[in-house]
Protein backbone atom coordinates (compact mmCIF):
# COMPACT_ATOMS: atom_id res chain seq x y z
CA MET A 1 -120.66 -17.78 1.78
CA LEU A 2 -120.37 -19.45 -1.59
CA VAL A 3 -117.06 -21.07 -2.46
CA THR A 4 -116.71 -22.02 -6.10
CA LYS A 5 -114.52 -24.78 -7.45
CA SER A 6 -111.63 -23.77 -9.65
CA LYS A 7 -109.48 -25.85 -11.98
CA SER A 8 -106.39 -25.52 -9.78
CA MET A 9 -107.75 -26.90 -6.50
CA LYS A 10 -105.47 -28.59 -3.99
CA THR A 11 -106.52 -31.98 -2.65
CA LEU A 12 -106.79 -32.51 1.10
CA SER A 13 -107.92 -35.73 2.75
CA PRO A 14 -109.11 -35.03 6.29
CA ARG A 15 -109.90 -37.94 8.58
CA LEU A 16 -113.33 -37.65 10.19
CA THR A 17 -114.83 -39.47 13.11
CA PRO A 18 -117.70 -41.77 12.08
CA ALA A 19 -120.24 -39.42 13.71
CA LEU A 20 -118.84 -36.34 11.95
CA GLY A 21 -118.78 -38.22 8.65
CA ARG A 22 -122.46 -39.15 9.04
CA GLU A 23 -123.40 -35.56 9.86
CA LEU A 24 -121.48 -34.26 6.85
CA GLU A 25 -123.09 -36.83 4.57
CA ALA A 26 -126.61 -36.02 5.83
CA LEU A 27 -126.11 -32.26 5.44
CA ALA A 28 -124.67 -32.68 1.95
CA GLN A 29 -127.72 -34.74 0.92
CA ARG A 30 -130.17 -32.22 2.45
CA ARG A 31 -128.51 -29.29 0.69
CA CYS A 32 -127.87 -31.24 -2.55
CA VAL A 33 -124.19 -30.33 -2.58
CA SER A 34 -120.98 -32.31 -2.32
CA LYS A 35 -119.24 -33.02 0.97
CA SER A 36 -116.17 -31.27 -0.41
CA SER A 37 -118.20 -28.16 -1.08
CA LEU A 38 -119.48 -28.14 2.51
CA VAL A 39 -115.97 -28.60 3.90
CA ARG A 40 -114.61 -25.76 1.71
CA GLU A 41 -117.45 -23.49 2.85
CA ALA A 42 -116.92 -24.33 6.54
CA LEU A 43 -113.16 -23.84 6.27
CA ALA A 44 -113.54 -20.52 4.46
CA ARG A 45 -115.92 -19.25 7.18
CA TYR A 46 -113.60 -20.45 9.95
CA LEU A 47 -110.56 -18.77 8.42
CA ALA A 48 -112.47 -15.52 7.78
CA ALA A 49 -113.53 -15.40 11.44
CA SER A 50 -110.06 -16.24 12.83
CA PRO A 51 -107.97 -13.36 14.18
CA GLN A 52 -105.14 -12.32 11.91
CA VAL A 53 -101.57 -12.87 13.12
CA SER A 54 -99.75 -9.61 13.68
CA LYS A 55 -96.65 -9.05 11.57
CA ALA A 56 -95.39 -6.42 14.03
CA SER A 57 -92.19 -7.01 15.97
CA PHE A 58 -92.29 -7.69 19.70
CA LEU A 59 -90.98 -4.16 20.30
CA GLU A 60 -93.83 -2.65 18.28
CA ARG A 61 -96.46 -4.78 20.04
CA ALA A 62 -95.08 -4.03 23.53
CA ALA A 63 -94.35 -0.33 22.99
CA ASN A 64 -97.34 0.73 25.10
CA LEU A 65 -95.88 -1.18 28.07
CA ALA A 66 -92.60 0.77 28.20
CA GLY A 67 -92.45 2.80 31.39
CA CYS A 68 -95.64 1.36 32.87
CA ILE A 69 -93.90 -0.15 35.93
CA GLU A 70 -92.53 1.94 38.76
CA GLY A 71 -89.32 1.01 40.51
CA PRO A 72 -85.57 1.51 40.39
CA SER A 73 -84.28 2.38 36.96
CA ASP A 74 -81.57 -0.30 36.84
CA VAL A 75 -81.35 -2.91 39.60
CA SER A 76 -78.41 -4.67 37.91
CA VAL A 77 -75.92 -2.12 39.24
CA SER A 78 -77.34 -1.81 42.74
CA GLY A 79 -75.68 -3.99 45.36
CA GLU A 80 -78.72 -3.47 47.59
CA HIS A 81 -81.02 -5.07 45.04
CA LEU A 82 -78.58 -7.79 44.00
CA ARG A 83 -78.27 -9.18 47.55
CA SER A 84 -81.97 -10.05 47.57
CA TYR A 85 -82.24 -11.00 43.90
CA GLY A 86 -84.33 -14.12 43.33
CA ARG A 87 -85.48 -14.41 46.92
CA PRO A 88 -89.09 -14.05 48.03
CA PRO A 89 -89.88 -10.74 49.77
CA GLY A 90 -89.00 -10.85 53.46
CA LEU A 91 -86.26 -13.50 53.02
CA ALA A 92 -83.47 -11.15 51.93
CA PRO A 93 -80.13 -11.60 53.74
CA SER A 94 -79.45 -9.13 56.53
């Protein structure tokens, strides 16, 4: 993946560990390119491979889950269910 330099580039100053800096320097010398060029190329590849964030709402993303659980339709109005609400199974009041 070739990333070309344009006139309107933004400057970024990442801090590298000494070992990573040496590796970057060595690779740049072997390939006869600048360290900046290597970093741009690596970042472009990383971003291209990253999953895209969905712009869908929670409702749209969870639509396939609606109705997938069996049980009472509305436990909030059932005194039977409210007596044991929040208690582990088997510890409901008698």
